Amino acid sequence: LMNIATKHVDPELCNAAYELHINYLENDTELSGSKKVFKTGVPDVFDVLPESYLEAMPDGDKLKKFKARSLMIVPMFAKDKIIGTIIFASQRQKAYRDNYVE
């Protein structure tokens, strides 16, 4: 996997998010997050992002500064083949629900 784009309304946080995601992709050896969704094709939706999820991630402490409270990672398909994933994060709890990806 590789990062194609990172967007955030705050340019400083956008750069930090990009660096964080690149570091995560390069250093994560476990099948979690985007890697898990890419391999399984099953979305991960956290209506309330658990503290334990952040603690388990490489550089999870850095992710906390984004104040993400809700997270949704979904696979992107083209002709029934997974071509990537997209991550949505919100500072609002319950911003994303399982039924958003049905």
Protein backbone atom coordinates (compact mmCIF):
# COMPACT_ATOMS: atom_id res chain seq x y z
CA LEU A 1 0.00 0.00 0.00
CA MET A 2 1.05 3.58 -0.59
CA ASN A 3 -0.46 6.92 0.33
CA ILE A 4 -1.90 8.71 -2.70
CA ALA A 5 -3.45 11.74 -1.01
CA THR A 6 -4.05 13.21 2.43
CA LYS A 7 -6.55 16.00 3.00
CA HIS A 8 -7.35 18.09 6.05
CA VAL A 9 -8.77 21.61 6.39
CA ASP A 10 -5.72 22.61 8.47
CA PRO A 11 -2.57 22.49 6.25
CA GLU A 12 -0.32 21.85 9.26
CA LEU A 13 -2.42 18.88 10.37
CA CYS A 14 -2.57 17.67 6.76
CA ASN A 15 1.23 17.45 6.61
CA ALA A 16 1.35 15.75 10.01
CA ALA A 17 -1.34 13.27 8.95
CA TYR A 18 0.57 12.46 5.77
CA GLU A 19 3.79 11.80 7.69
CA LEU A 20 1.94 9.75 10.29
CA HIS A 21 0.25 7.60 7.64
CA ILE A 22 3.49 7.04 5.72
CA ASN A 23 5.26 6.00 8.92
CA TYR A 24 2.37 3.69 9.80
CA LEU A 25 2.41 1.99 6.39
CA GLU A 26 6.19 1.54 6.49
CA ASN A 27 6.47 0.29 10.07
CA ASP A 28 3.28 -1.62 10.78
CA THR A 29 4.05 -5.33 10.64
CA GLU A 30 0.64 -6.49 11.81
CA LEU A 31 -2.45 -6.90 9.71
CA SER A 32 -4.49 -3.96 10.96
CA GLY A 33 -5.99 -0.71 9.72
CA SER A 34 -5.69 -0.12 5.97
CA LYS A 35 -3.65 -3.28 5.47
CA LYS A 36 -6.37 -5.40 7.06
CA VAL A 37 -9.15 -3.76 5.06
CA PHE A 38 -7.12 -4.08 1.84
CA LYS A 39 -6.51 -7.79 2.42
CA THR A 40 -9.99 -8.75 3.66
CA GLY A 41 -12.20 -6.30 1.76
CA VAL A 42 -14.17 -5.80 4.98
CA PRO A 43 -14.58 -2.20 6.21
CA ASP A 44 -13.55 -1.18 9.72
CA VAL A 45 -15.94 1.29 11.33
CA PHE A 46 -15.37 2.73 14.78
CA ASP A 47 -18.32 4.89 15.81
CA VAL A 48 -16.37 5.57 18.99
CA LEU A 49 -12.63 5.14 18.51
CA PRO A 50 -11.32 3.16 21.49
CA GLU A 51 -8.22 4.41 23.28
CA SER A 52 -6.81 0.88 23.00
CA TYR A 53 -6.90 1.13 19.19
CA LEU A 54 -4.78 4.28 19.27
CA GLU A 55 -2.36 2.78 21.79
CA ALA A 56 -1.86 -0.32 19.63
CA MET A 57 -1.01 1.68 16.50
CA PRO A 58 2.54 2.70 15.67
CA ASP A 59 2.75 6.39 16.63
CA GLY A 60 -0.75 6.22 18.11
CA ASP A 61 0.23 8.93 20.56
CA LYS A 62 0.82 11.26 17.61
CA LEU A 63 -2.59 10.36 16.21
CA LYS A 64 -4.20 11.59 19.41
CA LYS A 65 -3.34 15.19 18.51
CA PHE A 66 -5.86 14.95 15.66
CA LYS A 67 -8.52 14.29 18.29
CA ALA A 68 -10.11 11.61 16.14
CA ARG A 69 -13.15 10.18 17.90
CA SER A 70 -14.67 8.24 15.00
CA LEU A 71 -12.93 6.35 12.20
CA MET A 72 -13.99 4.51 9.06
CA ILE A 73 -11.63 2.59 6.76
CA VAL A 74 -13.27 1.23 3.61
CA PRO A 75 -11.97 -0.71 0.62
CA MET A 76 -12.12 0.81 -2.86
CA PHE A 77 -13.13 -1.57 -5.65
CA ALA A 78 -12.77 -1.51 -9.44
CA LYS A 79 -14.22 -4.39 -11.45
CA ASP A 80 -14.63 -6.51 -8.28
CA LYS A 81 -10.96 -6.07 -7.36
CA ILE A 82 -9.72 -4.14 -4.33
CA ILE A 83 -7.52 -1.30 -5.55
CA GLY A 84 -6.99 0.55 -2.29
CA THR A 85 -8.56 1.88 0.87
CA ILE A 86 -9.81 5.24 2.03
CA ILE A 87 -9.80 6.48 5.61
CA PHE A 88 -12.32 8.93 7.06
CA ALA A 89 -11.77 10.39 10.52
CA SER A 90 -13.90 12.74 12.55
CA GLN A 91 -13.49 14.61 15.81
CA ARG A 92 -17.13 13.75 16.54
CA GLN A 93 -18.04 10.47 18.19
CA LYS A 94 -20.55 8.38 16.25
CA ALA A 95 -19.86 10.29 13.03
CA TYR A 96 -19.70 6.98 11.16
CA ARG A 97 -21.92 3.94 11.56
CA ASP A 98 -21.76 0.36 10.32
CA ASN A 99 -24.79 0.94 8.12
CA TYR A 100 -22.83 3.57 6.15
CA VAL A 101 -20.90 0.77 4.45
CA GLU A 102 -23.64 -1.79 3.84
